[in-house]
């Protein structure tokens, strides 16, 4: 091989590598924001670090931005402790309480009660991100190099090819240090999860015992001076219709039961926000919904000032 040919081979390889890097940087990746490993580890370790904790399944995880809420509730440490597929089990509710700082002046817990989170289906480990959280934790070595691995995470060639010809349906997730996972999808499909939801309640509707557990915790927390708010997370009209018809959530009159237990129920516009896949809100809609919910909480607090608790919150 002549010297000239060797130089051309080297230059070609270098240019090819550079083009691949540029192409990868130009395409939107599936995961954005802080490194996913660091995000999972951070959330797992939260203890006594928040004035206000938001809890629920992926509809809350994607739909509630603590930073957007802070615009209406300034001066508070607000964290999103929701997990994909989470169920309102006693274990999960115990961990929600542990995130609340026991010496906070305005301890608040906000529960996004989606009907799915109160079903036996949601308690299965295979679909419950809270139950799976320990298995998803990165090793110490992986966590140490999390930032480098995040930059160098692979981009499949097929994704690269389809992205450049404009045929790649993409879903992006942004991991935030306050626990929020923002989402966007291209193209959006509000009916994407309809089939899943159509069969979701085949095993049975919302469980009375799971709602009873939630209400027990609401009583326990309010007894210690914690403000507990409840709401039903918004979704696409087809999803809400399926839940209303098959979940039994409305028949239980959850809102009245929640308030009877000492909580404060906030009625939300269930179908008034932009959904990317039927179940989850677009990043912009999530910020708007978060501001709207926080504004409702602020109005309630201004009308009924909270009494500072003299006892810490119990798990």
C-alpha atoms as a PDB file:
ATOM      1  CA  UNK A   1       0.000   0.000   0.000  1.00  0.00           C
ATOM      2  CA  UNK A   2       1.526   3.307  -1.035  1.00  0.00           C
ATOM      3  CA  UNK A   3       1.929   6.204   1.353  1.00  0.00           C
ATOM      4  CA  UNK A   4      -0.682   8.231  -0.547  1.00  0.00           C
ATOM      5  CA  UNK A   5      -3.209   5.417  -0.262  1.00  0.00           C
ATOM      6  CA  UNK A   6      -2.502   5.035   3.442  1.00  0.00           C
ATOM      7  CA  UNK A   7      -3.103   8.737   3.982  1.00  0.00           C
ATOM      8  CA  UNK A   8      -6.372   8.584   2.056  1.00  0.00           C
ATOM      9  CA  UNK A   9      -7.566   5.627   4.121  1.00  0.00           C
ATOM     10  CA  UNK A  10      -6.779   7.461   7.353  1.00  0.00           C
ATOM     11  CA  UNK A  11      -8.476  10.658   6.168  1.00  0.00           C
ATOM     12  CA  UNK A  12     -11.542   8.699   5.005  1.00  0.00           C
ATOM     13  CA  UNK A  13     -11.863   6.917   8.340  1.00  0.00           C
ATOM     14  CA  UNK A  14     -11.494  10.167  10.248  1.00  0.00           C
ATOM     15  CA  UNK A  15     -14.062  11.957   8.100  1.00  0.00           C
ATOM     16  CA  UNK A  16     -16.434   9.001   8.345  1.00  0.00           C
ATOM     17  CA  UNK A  17     -16.163   8.972  12.125  1.00  0.00           C
ATOM     18  CA  UNK A  18     -16.671  12.730  12.286  1.00  0.00           C
ATOM     19  CA  UNK A  19     -19.791  12.523  10.108  1.00  0.00           C
ATOM     20  CA  UNK A  20     -21.237   9.768  12.295  1.00  0.00           C
ATOM     21  CA  UNK A  21     -20.669  11.876  15.421  1.00  0.00           C
ATOM     22  CA  UNK A  22     -22.262  14.943  13.807  1.00  0.00           C
ATOM     23  CA  UNK A  23     -25.207  12.881  12.578  1.00  0.00           C
ATOM     24  CA  UNK A  24     -25.728  11.402  16.022  1.00  0.00           C
ATOM     25  CA  UNK A  25     -25.635  14.821  17.651  1.00  0.00           C
ATOM     26  CA  UNK A  26     -28.135  16.214  15.160  1.00  0.00           C
ATOM     27  CA  UNK A  27     -30.697  13.500  15.868  1.00  0.00           C
ATOM     28  CA  UNK A  28     -32.762  13.643  19.025  1.00  0.00           C
ATOM     29  CA  UNK A  29     -32.029  10.711  21.296  1.00  0.00           C
ATOM     30  CA  UNK A  30     -34.578   8.770  23.275  1.00  0.00           C
ATOM     31  CA  UNK A  31     -33.236   9.943  26.636  1.00  0.00           C
ATOM     32  CA  UNK A  32     -32.161  13.509  27.351  1.00  0.00           C
ATOM     33  CA  UNK A  33     -31.416  15.697  30.362  1.00  0.00           C
ATOM     34  CA  UNK A  34     -29.405  14.379  33.287  1.00  0.00           C
ATOM     35  CA  UNK A  35     -27.900  10.861  32.950  1.00  0.00           C
ATOM     36  CA  UNK A  36     -30.564   8.213  33.493  1.00  0.00           C
ATOM     37  CA  UNK A  37     -28.337   6.233  35.879  1.00  0.00           C
ATOM     38  CA  UNK A  38     -27.769   9.283  38.038  1.00  0.00           C
ATOM     39  CA  UNK A  39     -31.470  10.128  37.924  1.00  0.00           C
ATOM     40  CA  UNK A  40     -32.505   6.650  39.121  1.00  0.00           C
ATOM     41  CA  UNK A  41     -29.904   6.621  41.889  1.00  0.00           C
ATOM     42  CA  UNK A  42     -30.859  10.126  43.041  1.00  0.00           C
ATOM     43  CA  UNK A  43     -34.541   9.319  43.286  1.00  0.00           C
ATOM     44  CA  UNK A  44     -33.880   6.068  45.120  1.00  0.00           C
ATOM     45  CA  UNK A  45     -31.928   7.907  47.818  1.00  0.00           C
ATOM     46  CA  UNK A  46     -34.368  10.715  48.559  1.00  0.00           C
ATOM     47  CA  UNK A  47     -35.081  10.958  52.280  1.00  0.00           C
ATOM     48  CA  UNK A  48     -36.523  13.852  54.315  1.00  0.00           C
ATOM     49  CA  UNK A  49     -35.644  16.361  51.607  1.00  0.00           C
ATOM     50  CA  UNK A  50     -38.904  17.928  50.405  1.00  0.00           C
ATOM     51  CA  UNK A  51     -41.634  20.247  51.620  1.00  0.00           C
ATOM     52  CA  UNK A  52     -44.010  18.915  48.967  1.00  0.00           C
ATOM     53  CA  UNK A  53     -44.005  15.455  47.377  1.00  0.00           C
ATOM     54  CA  UNK A  54     -45.998  14.505  44.288  1.00  0.00           C
ATOM     55  CA  UNK A  55     -46.794  10.787  43.911  1.00  0.00           C
ATOM     56  CA  UNK A  56     -48.444   8.479  41.393  1.00  0.00           C
ATOM     57  CA  UNK A  57     -47.790   6.464  38.267  1.00  0.00           C
ATOM     58  CA  UNK A  58     -46.377   7.527  34.885  1.00  0.00           C
ATOM     59  CA  UNK A  59     -49.201   9.981  34.255  1.00  0.00           C
ATOM     60  CA  UNK A  60     -47.960  11.913  37.270  1.00  0.00           C
ATOM     61  CA  UNK A  61     -44.289  11.246  36.507  1.00  0.00           C
ATOM     62  CA  UNK A  62     -44.639  12.781  33.040  1.00  0.00           C
ATOM     63  CA  UNK A  63     -47.439  15.221  33.805  1.00  0.00           C
ATOM     64  CA  UNK A  64     -46.170  17.071  36.900  1.00  0.00           C
ATOM     65  CA  UNK A  65     -43.242  19.501  36.776  1.00  0.00           C
ATOM     66  CA  UNK A  66     -42.107  20.673  40.234  1.00  0.00           C
ATOM     67  CA  UNK A  67     -40.315  23.631  38.647  1.00  0.00           C
ATOM     68  CA  UNK A  68     -43.552  24.766  36.992  1.00  0.00           C
ATOM     69  CA  UNK A  69     -45.420  24.268  40.262  1.00  0.00           C
ATOM     70  CA  UNK A  70     -42.872  26.430  42.067  1.00  0.00           C
ATOM     71  CA  UNK A  71     -43.989  29.429  40.009  1.00  0.00           C
ATOM     72  CA  UNK A  72     -47.276  29.300  41.928  1.00  0.00           C
ATOM     73  CA  UNK A  73     -45.854  27.884  45.178  1.00  0.00           C
ATOM     74  CA  UNK A  74     -42.543  29.724  45.622  1.00  0.00           C
ATOM     75  CA  UNK A  75     -40.061  28.958  48.354  1.00  0.00           C
ATOM     76  CA  UNK A  76     -40.850  25.256  48.575  1.00  0.00           C
ATOM     77  CA  UNK A  77     -38.817  22.187  47.813  1.00  0.00           C
ATOM     78  CA  UNK A  78     -41.122  20.232  45.504  1.00  0.00           C
ATOM     79  CA  UNK A  79     -40.172  16.764  44.256  1.00  0.00           C
ATOM     80  CA  UNK A  80     -41.871  14.363  41.863  1.00  0.00           C
ATOM     81  CA  UNK A  81     -41.673  10.888  43.419  1.00  0.00           C
ATOM     82  CA  UNK A  82     -43.867   9.172  40.842  1.00  0.00           C
ATOM     83  CA  UNK A  83     -42.734   5.995  39.096  1.00  0.00           C
ATOM     84  CA  UNK A  84     -43.872   4.419  35.814  1.00  0.00           C
ATOM     85  CA  UNK A  85     -46.569   1.857  36.496  1.00  0.00           C
ATOM     86  CA  UNK A  86     -46.570   2.535  40.242  1.00  0.00           C
ATOM     87  CA  UNK A  87     -49.441   1.195  42.330  1.00  0.00           C
ATOM     88  CA  UNK A  88     -50.719   2.796  45.509  1.00  0.00           C
ATOM     89  CA  UNK A  89     -49.547   0.017  47.803  1.00  0.00           C
ATOM     90  CA  UNK A  90     -48.647   0.459  51.448  1.00  0.00           C
ATOM     91  CA  UNK A  91     -44.960   0.103  50.611  1.00  0.00           C
ATOM     92  CA  UNK A  92     -45.113   2.881  48.058  1.00  0.00           C
ATOM     93  CA  UNK A  93     -47.072   5.182  50.365  1.00  0.00           C
ATOM     94  CA  UNK A  94     -44.517   4.558  53.141  1.00  0.00           C
ATOM     95  CA  UNK A  95     -41.726   5.672  50.838  1.00  0.00           C
ATOM     96  CA  UNK A  96     -43.678   8.748  49.743  1.00  0.00           C
ATOM     97  CA  UNK A  97     -43.877   9.850  53.373  1.00  0.00           C
ATOM     98  CA  UNK A  98     -40.138   9.305  53.872  1.00  0.00           C
ATOM     99  CA  UNK A  99     -39.328  11.894  51.235  1.00  0.00           C
ATOM    100  CA  UNK A 100     -41.145  14.601  53.226  1.00  0.00           C
ATOM    101  CA  UNK A 101     -38.899  16.612  55.531  1.00  0.00           C
ATOM    102  CA  UNK A 102     -40.372  16.104  59.045  1.00  0.00           C
ATOM    103  CA  UNK A 103     -39.376  19.625  60.102  1.00  0.00           C
ATOM    104  CA  UNK A 104     -40.779  21.395  57.049  1.00  0.00           C
ATOM    105  CA  UNK A 105     -43.171  24.211  57.929  1.00  0.00           C
ATOM    106  CA  UNK A 106     -45.693  23.306  55.207  1.00  0.00           C
ATOM    107  CA  UNK A 107     -45.555  19.566  54.702  1.00  0.00           C
ATOM    108  CA  UNK A 108     -47.592  18.587  51.657  1.00  0.00           C
ATOM    109  CA  UNK A 109     -48.309  15.348  49.818  1.00  0.00           C
ATOM    110  CA  UNK A 110     -50.074  15.361  46.454  1.00  0.00           C
ATOM    111  CA  UNK A 111     -51.512  12.071  45.190  1.00  0.00           C
ATOM    112  CA  UNK A 112     -52.367  11.671  41.518  1.00  0.00           C
ATOM    113  CA  UNK A 113     -54.956   8.905  41.700  1.00  0.00           C
ATOM    114  CA  UNK A 114     -55.218   7.366  38.258  1.00  0.00           C
ATOM    115  CA  UNK A 115     -57.560   4.354  38.227  1.00  0.00           C
ATOM    116  CA  UNK A 116     -54.793   2.101  36.882  1.00  0.00           C
ATOM    117  CA  UNK A 117     -52.687   2.719  39.989  1.00  0.00           C
ATOM    118  CA  UNK A 118     -55.439   1.188  42.123  1.00  0.00           C
ATOM    119  CA  UNK A 119     -55.702  -2.130  40.266  1.00  0.00           C
ATOM    120  CA  UNK A 120     -54.187  -5.555  40.885  1.00  0.00           C
ATOM    121  CA  UNK A 121     -52.548  -5.280  37.462  1.00  0.00           C
ATOM    122  CA  UNK A 122     -50.411  -2.351  38.651  1.00  0.00           C
ATOM    123  CA  UNK A 123     -49.056  -4.333  41.594  1.00  0.00           C
ATOM    124  CA  UNK A 124     -47.236  -6.786  39.319  1.00  0.00           C
ATOM    125  CA  UNK A 125     -43.484  -6.399  39.429  1.00  0.00           C
ATOM    126  CA  UNK A 126     -43.170  -6.656  35.651  1.00  0.00           C
ATOM    127  CA  UNK A 127     -45.123  -3.421  35.110  1.00  0.00           C
ATOM    128  CA  UNK A 128     -44.349  -1.531  38.328  1.00  0.00           C
ATOM    129  CA  UNK A 129     -41.386   0.816  38.106  1.00  0.00           C
ATOM    130  CA  UNK A 130     -41.348   1.441  41.854  1.00  0.00           C
ATOM    131  CA  UNK A 131     -40.997  -2.261  42.614  1.00  0.00           C
ATOM    132  CA  UNK A 132     -38.282  -2.567  39.956  1.00  0.00           C
ATOM    133  CA  UNK A 133     -36.297   0.450  41.136  1.00  0.00           C
ATOM    134  CA  UNK A 134     -33.629  -1.512  43.040  1.00  0.00           C
ATOM    135  CA  UNK A 135     -32.957  -3.759  40.040  1.00  0.00           C
ATOM    136  CA  UNK A 136     -32.518  -0.673  37.855  1.00  0.00           C
ATOM    137  CA  UNK A 137     -29.929   0.944  40.107  1.00  0.00           C
ATOM    138  CA  UNK A 138     -26.529   1.327  38.414  1.00  0.00           C
ATOM    139  CA  UNK A 139     -23.343  -0.167  39.820  1.00  0.00           C
ATOM    140  CA  UNK A 140     -20.895   2.115  41.609  1.00  0.00           C
ATOM    141  CA  UNK A 141     -18.572   2.024  38.603  1.00  0.00           C
ATOM    142  CA  UNK A 142     -21.375   2.822  36.168  1.00  0.00           C
ATOM    143  CA  UNK A 143     -22.573   5.650  38.392  1.00  0.00           C
ATOM    144  CA  UNK A 144     -19.019   7.057  38.631  1.00  0.00           C
ATOM    145  CA  UNK A 145     -18.777   7.249  34.840  1.00  0.00           C
ATOM    146  CA  UNK A 146     -22.451   8.178  34.366  1.00  0.00           C
ATOM    147  CA  UNK A 147     -21.777  11.519  32.688  1.00  0.00           C
ATOM    148  CA  UNK A 148     -19.268  10.056  30.227  1.00  0.00           C
ATOM    149  CA  UNK A 149     -21.455   7.038  29.447  1.00  0.00           C
ATOM    150  CA  UNK A 150     -24.409   9.372  28.896  1.00  0.00           C
ATOM    151  CA  UNK A 151     -22.524  11.321  26.233  1.00  0.00           C
ATOM    152  CA  UNK A 152     -21.251   8.141  24.578  1.00  0.00           C
ATOM    153  CA  UNK A 153     -24.511   6.156  24.768  1.00  0.00           C
ATOM    154  CA  UNK A 154     -25.023   4.247  21.508  1.00  0.00           C
ATOM    155  CA  UNK A 155     -27.266   5.329  18.673  1.00  0.00           C
ATOM    156  CA  UNK A 156     -28.450   2.337  16.589  1.00  0.00           C
ATOM    157  CA  UNK A 157     -27.629   2.574  12.884  1.00  0.00           C
ATOM    158  CA  UNK A 158     -31.235   1.873  11.881  1.00  0.00           C
ATOM    159  CA  UNK A 159     -32.394   4.755  14.054  1.00  0.00           C
ATOM    160  CA  UNK A 160     -29.742   6.929  12.472  1.00  0.00           C
ATOM    161  CA  UNK A 161     -30.831   5.967   8.953  1.00  0.00           C
ATOM    162  CA  UNK A 162     -34.551   6.429   9.558  1.00  0.00           C
ATOM    163  CA  UNK A 163     -33.974   9.695  11.359  1.00  0.00           C
ATOM    164  CA  UNK A 164     -32.162  11.216   8.445  1.00  0.00           C
ATOM    165  CA  UNK A 165     -34.857  10.243   5.947  1.00  0.00           C
ATOM    166  CA  UNK A 166     -37.579  11.556   8.252  1.00  0.00           C
ATOM    167  CA  UNK A 167     -39.317   8.214   8.888  1.00  0.00           C
ATOM    168  CA  UNK A 168     -38.400   7.728  12.524  1.00  0.00           C
ATOM    169  CA  UNK A 169     -41.260   7.885  15.052  1.00  0.00           C
ATOM    170  CA  UNK A 170     -39.466   9.131  18.140  1.00  0.00           C
ATOM    171  CA  UNK A 171     -40.297   9.414  21.802  1.00  0.00           C
ATOM    172  CA  UNK A 172     -38.000  11.583  23.915  1.00  0.00           C
ATOM    173  CA  UNK A 173     -37.673  11.673  27.682  1.00  0.00           C
ATOM    174  CA  UNK A 174     -35.898  14.401  29.647  1.00  0.00           C
ATOM    175  CA  UNK A 175     -34.788  13.485  33.167  1.00  0.00           C
ATOM    176  CA  UNK A 176     -34.885  16.363  35.641  1.00  0.00           C
ATOM    177  CA  UNK A 177     -33.206  16.679  39.032  1.00  0.00           C
ATOM    178  CA  UNK A 178     -36.579  17.355  40.693  1.00  0.00           C
ATOM    179  CA  UNK A 179     -37.862  13.916  39.623  1.00  0.00           C
ATOM    180  CA  UNK A 180     -39.910  14.997  36.634  1.00  0.00           C
ATOM    181  CA  UNK A 181     -39.574  13.050  33.385  1.00  0.00           C
ATOM    182  CA  UNK A 182     -40.695  15.330  30.566  1.00  0.00           C
ATOM    183  CA  UNK A 183     -41.901  13.705  27.363  1.00  0.00           C
ATOM    184  CA  UNK A 184     -42.457  14.394  23.693  1.00  0.00           C
ATOM    185  CA  UNK A 185     -43.382  12.120  20.794  1.00  0.00           C
ATOM    186  CA  UNK A 186     -43.185  12.563  17.025  1.00  0.00           C
ATOM    187  CA  UNK A 187     -45.672  11.962  15.561  1.00  0.00           C
ATOM    188  CA  UNK A 188     -48.146  12.226  18.420  1.00  0.00           C
ATOM    189  CA  UNK A 189     -50.853   9.589  18.633  1.00  0.00           C
ATOM    190  CA  UNK A 190     -53.533  10.181  21.314  1.00  0.00           C
ATOM    191  CA  UNK A 191     -54.995   6.733  20.571  1.00  0.00           C
ATOM    192  CA  UNK A 192     -51.740   4.824  20.955  1.00  0.00           C
ATOM    193  CA  UNK A 193     -52.571   3.353  24.389  1.00  0.00           C
ATOM    194  CA  UNK A 194     -56.284   2.817  23.770  1.00  0.00           C
ATOM    195  CA  UNK A 195     -55.891  -0.894  23.010  1.00  0.00           C
ATOM    196  CA  UNK A 196     -53.844  -1.423  26.169  1.00  0.00           C
ATOM    197  CA  UNK A 197     -56.422   0.359  28.278  1.00  0.00           C
ATOM    198  CA  UNK A 198     -59.297  -1.488  26.651  1.00  0.00           C
ATOM    199  CA  UNK A 199     -58.025  -4.703  28.237  1.00  0.00           C
ATOM    200  CA  UNK A 200     -56.498  -3.221  31.365  1.00  0.00           C
ATOM    201  CA  UNK A 201     -59.539  -3.678  33.568  1.00  0.00           C
ATOM    202  CA  UNK A 202     -60.376  -7.177  32.308  1.00  0.00           C
ATOM    203  CA  UNK A 203     -58.946  -8.622  35.532  1.00  0.00           C
ATOM    204  CA  UNK A 204     -61.190  -6.395  37.578  1.00  0.00           C
ATOM    205  CA  UNK A 205     -61.931  -2.764  38.377  1.00  0.00           C
ATOM    206  CA  UNK A 206     -60.271  -0.526  40.937  1.00  0.00           C
ATOM    207  CA  UNK A 207     -59.789  -2.441  44.178  1.00  0.00           C
ATOM    208  CA  UNK A 208     -61.695  -1.303  47.240  1.00  0.00           C
ATOM    209  CA  UNK A 209     -58.903  -2.429  49.566  1.00  0.00           C
ATOM    210  CA  UNK A 210     -56.266  -0.382  47.745  1.00  0.00           C
ATOM    211  CA  UNK A 211     -58.391   2.751  47.917  1.00  0.00           C
ATOM    212  CA  UNK A 212     -59.042   1.992  51.596  1.00  0.00           C
ATOM    213  CA  UNK A 213     -55.272   1.858  52.180  1.00  0.00           C
ATOM    214  CA  UNK A 214     -54.841   5.235  50.514  1.00  0.00           C
ATOM    215  CA  UNK A 215     -57.567   6.725  52.685  1.00  0.00           C
ATOM    216  CA  UNK A 216     -55.974   5.274  55.814  1.00  0.00           C
ATOM    217  CA  UNK A 217     -52.701   6.983  54.957  1.00  0.00           C
ATOM    218  CA  UNK A 218     -54.498  10.242  54.202  1.00  0.00           C
ATOM    219  CA  UNK A 219     -56.025  10.144  57.713  1.00  0.00           C
ATOM    220  CA  UNK A 220     -52.669   9.278  59.257  1.00  0.00           C
ATOM    221  CA  UNK A 221     -50.833  12.062  57.473  1.00  0.00           C
ATOM    222  CA  UNK A 222     -53.449  14.733  58.118  1.00  0.00           C
ATOM    223  CA  UNK A 223     -53.416  13.807  61.813  1.00  0.00           C
ATOM    224  CA  UNK A 224     -49.760  14.885  61.874  1.00  0.00           C
ATOM    225  CA  UNK A 225     -50.459  18.206  60.181  1.00  0.00           C
ATOM    226  CA  UNK A 226     -49.666  17.258  56.590  1.00  0.00           C
ATOM    227  CA  UNK A 227     -51.769  18.810  53.858  1.00  0.00           C
ATOM    228  CA  UNK A 228     -52.815  15.979  51.544  1.00  0.00           C
ATOM    229  CA  UNK A 229     -54.223  16.780  48.114  1.00  0.00           C
ATOM    230  CA  UNK A 230     -55.710  14.356  45.650  1.00  0.00           C
ATOM    231  CA  UNK A 231     -56.555  14.647  41.970  1.00  0.00           C
ATOM    232  CA  UNK A 232     -57.163  12.479  38.946  1.00  0.00           C
ATOM    233  CA  UNK A 233     -54.479  12.966  36.269  1.00  0.00           C
ATOM    234  CA  UNK A 234     -55.688  14.104  32.832  1.00  0.00           C
ATOM    235  CA  UNK A 235     -55.407  11.996  29.687  1.00  0.00           C
ATOM    236  CA  UNK A 236     -56.854  11.781  26.183  1.00  0.00           C
ATOM    237  CA  UNK A 237     -60.677  11.621  25.915  1.00  0.00           C
ATOM    238  CA  UNK A 238     -60.679   7.969  24.768  1.00  0.00           C
ATOM    239  CA  UNK A 239     -58.628   6.890  27.789  1.00  0.00           C
ATOM    240  CA  UNK A 240     -60.812   8.787  30.231  1.00  0.00           C
ATOM    241  CA  UNK A 241     -63.913   7.255  28.614  1.00  0.00           C
ATOM    242  CA  UNK A 242     -62.522   3.729  29.014  1.00  0.00           C
ATOM    243  CA  UNK A 243     -61.665   4.381  32.649  1.00  0.00           C
ATOM    244  CA  UNK A 244     -65.100   5.816  33.355  1.00  0.00           C
ATOM    245  CA  UNK A 245     -66.802   2.835  31.721  1.00  0.00           C
ATOM    246  CA  UNK A 246     -64.664  -0.022  33.051  1.00  0.00           C
ATOM    247  CA  UNK A 247     -62.594   0.961  36.079  1.00  0.00           C
ATOM    248  CA  UNK A 248     -65.344   1.538  38.618  1.00  0.00           C
ATOM    249  CA  UNK A 249     -63.419   4.575  39.867  1.00  0.00           C
ATOM    250  CA  UNK A 250     -66.376   6.904  39.527  1.00  0.00           C
ATOM    251  CA  UNK A 251     -68.725   4.474  41.281  1.00  0.00           C
ATOM    252  CA  UNK A 252     -66.495   4.556  44.364  1.00  0.00           C
ATOM    253  CA  UNK A 253     -66.902   8.323  44.695  1.00  0.00           C
ATOM    254  CA  UNK A 254     -63.199   8.559  45.437  1.00  0.00           C
ATOM    255  CA  UNK A 255     -63.278  12.341  45.752  1.00  0.00           C
ATOM    256  CA  UNK A 256     -65.877  12.294  48.529  1.00  0.00           C
ATOM    257  CA  UNK A 257     -64.074   9.470  50.333  1.00  0.00           C
ATOM    258  CA  UNK A 258     -60.781  11.334  50.039  1.00  0.00           C
ATOM    259  CA  UNK A 259     -62.205  14.448  51.639  1.00  0.00           C
ATOM    260  CA  UNK A 260     -63.983  12.431  54.323  1.00  0.00           C
ATOM    261  CA  UNK A 261     -60.548  11.049  55.254  1.00  0.00           C
ATOM    262  CA  UNK A 262     -59.261  14.582  55.765  1.00  0.00           C
ATOM    263  CA  UNK A 263     -57.703  15.176  52.362  1.00  0.00           C
ATOM    264  CA  UNK A 264     -58.453  17.944  49.873  1.00  0.00           C
ATOM    265  CA  UNK A 265     -59.675  16.867  46.450  1.00  0.00           C
ATOM    266  CA  UNK A 266     -58.995  19.044  43.410  1.00  0.00           C
ATOM    267  CA  UNK A 267     -61.193  18.572  40.364  1.00  0.00           C
ATOM    268  CA  UNK A 268     -59.107  18.774  37.208  1.00  0.00           C
ATOM    269  CA  UNK A 269     -59.898  19.210  33.530  1.00  0.00           C
ATOM    270  CA  UNK A 270     -59.426  15.564  32.595  1.00  0.00           C
ATOM    271  CA  UNK A 271     -59.363  16.033  28.805  1.00  0.00           C
ATOM    272  CA  UNK A 272     -58.207  19.617  28.380  1.00  0.00           C
ATOM    273  CA  UNK A 273     -54.479  19.002  28.018  1.00  0.00           C
ATOM    274  CA  UNK A 274     -52.435  17.808  25.059  1.00  0.00           C
ATOM    275  CA  UNK A 275     -51.540  14.110  25.211  1.00  0.00           C
ATOM    276  CA  UNK A 276     -48.737  12.541  23.175  1.00  0.00           C
ATOM    277  CA  UNK A 277     -49.930   8.931  23.350  1.00  0.00           C
ATOM    278  CA  UNK A 278     -53.295   8.954  25.094  1.00  0.00           C
ATOM    279  CA  UNK A 279     -51.928   8.537  28.618  1.00  0.00           C
ATOM    280  CA  UNK A 280     -49.109  11.056  28.983  1.00  0.00           C
ATOM    281  CA  UNK A 281     -48.962  14.819  28.579  1.00  0.00           C
ATOM    282  CA  UNK A 282     -46.737  16.689  26.160  1.00  0.00           C
ATOM    283  CA  UNK A 283     -43.930  18.574  27.913  1.00  0.00           C
ATOM    284  CA  UNK A 284     -45.652  21.934  27.366  1.00  0.00           C
ATOM    285  CA  UNK A 285     -49.025  20.627  28.528  1.00  0.00           C
ATOM    286  CA  UNK A 286     -47.377  19.123  31.603  1.00  0.00           C
ATOM    287  CA  UNK A 287     -45.929  22.485  32.579  1.00  0.00           C
ATOM    288  CA  UNK A 288     -49.309  24.150  32.100  1.00  0.00           C
ATOM    289  CA  UNK A 289     -51.156  21.479  34.074  1.00  0.00           C
ATOM    290  CA  UNK A 290     -48.576  21.730  36.862  1.00  0.00           C
ATOM    291  CA  UNK A 291     -49.071  25.491  37.078  1.00  0.00           C
ATOM    292  CA  UNK A 292     -52.846  25.098  37.055  1.00  0.00           C
ATOM    293  CA  UNK A 293     -52.826  22.504  39.847  1.00  0.00           C
ATOM    294  CA  UNK A 294     -50.379  24.538  41.913  1.00  0.00           C
ATOM    295  CA  UNK A 295     -52.527  27.643  41.448  1.00  0.00           C
ATOM    296  CA  UNK A 296     -55.525  25.714  42.774  1.00  0.00           C
ATOM    297  CA  UNK A 297     -53.478  24.634  45.799  1.00  0.00           C
ATOM    298  CA  UNK A 298     -52.336  28.194  46.416  1.00  0.00           C
ATOM    299  CA  UNK A 299     -55.944  29.419  46.305  1.00  0.00           C
ATOM    300  CA  UNK A 300     -56.995  26.760  48.808  1.00  0.00           C
ATOM    301  CA  UNK A 301     -54.116  27.622  51.141  1.00  0.00           C
ATOM    302  CA  UNK A 302     -54.894  31.319  50.978  1.00  0.00           C
ATOM    303  CA  UNK A 303     -58.501  30.590  51.896  1.00  0.00           C
ATOM    304  CA  UNK A 304     -57.614  28.093  54.640  1.00  0.00           C
ATOM    305  CA  UNK A 305     -54.137  28.748  56.063  1.00  0.00           C
ATOM    306  CA  UNK A 306     -52.376  25.567  57.107  1.00  0.00           C
ATOM    307  CA  UNK A 307     -51.735  24.839  60.759  1.00  0.00           C
ATOM    308  CA  UNK A 308     -48.080  24.086  61.405  1.00  0.00           C
ATOM    309  CA  UNK A 309     -47.775  20.505  62.588  1.00  0.00           C
ATOM    310  CA  UNK A 310     -46.253  19.771  65.972  1.00  0.00           C
ATOM    311  CA  UNK A 311     -45.668  16.102  65.134  1.00  0.00           C
ATOM    312  CA  UNK A 312     -43.508  14.685  62.318  1.00  0.00           C
ATOM    313  CA  UNK A 313     -45.040  12.850  59.410  1.00  0.00           C
ATOM    314  CA  UNK A 314     -45.178   9.108  59.978  1.00  0.00           C
ATOM    315  CA  UNK A 315     -44.518   6.561  57.243  1.00  0.00           C
END
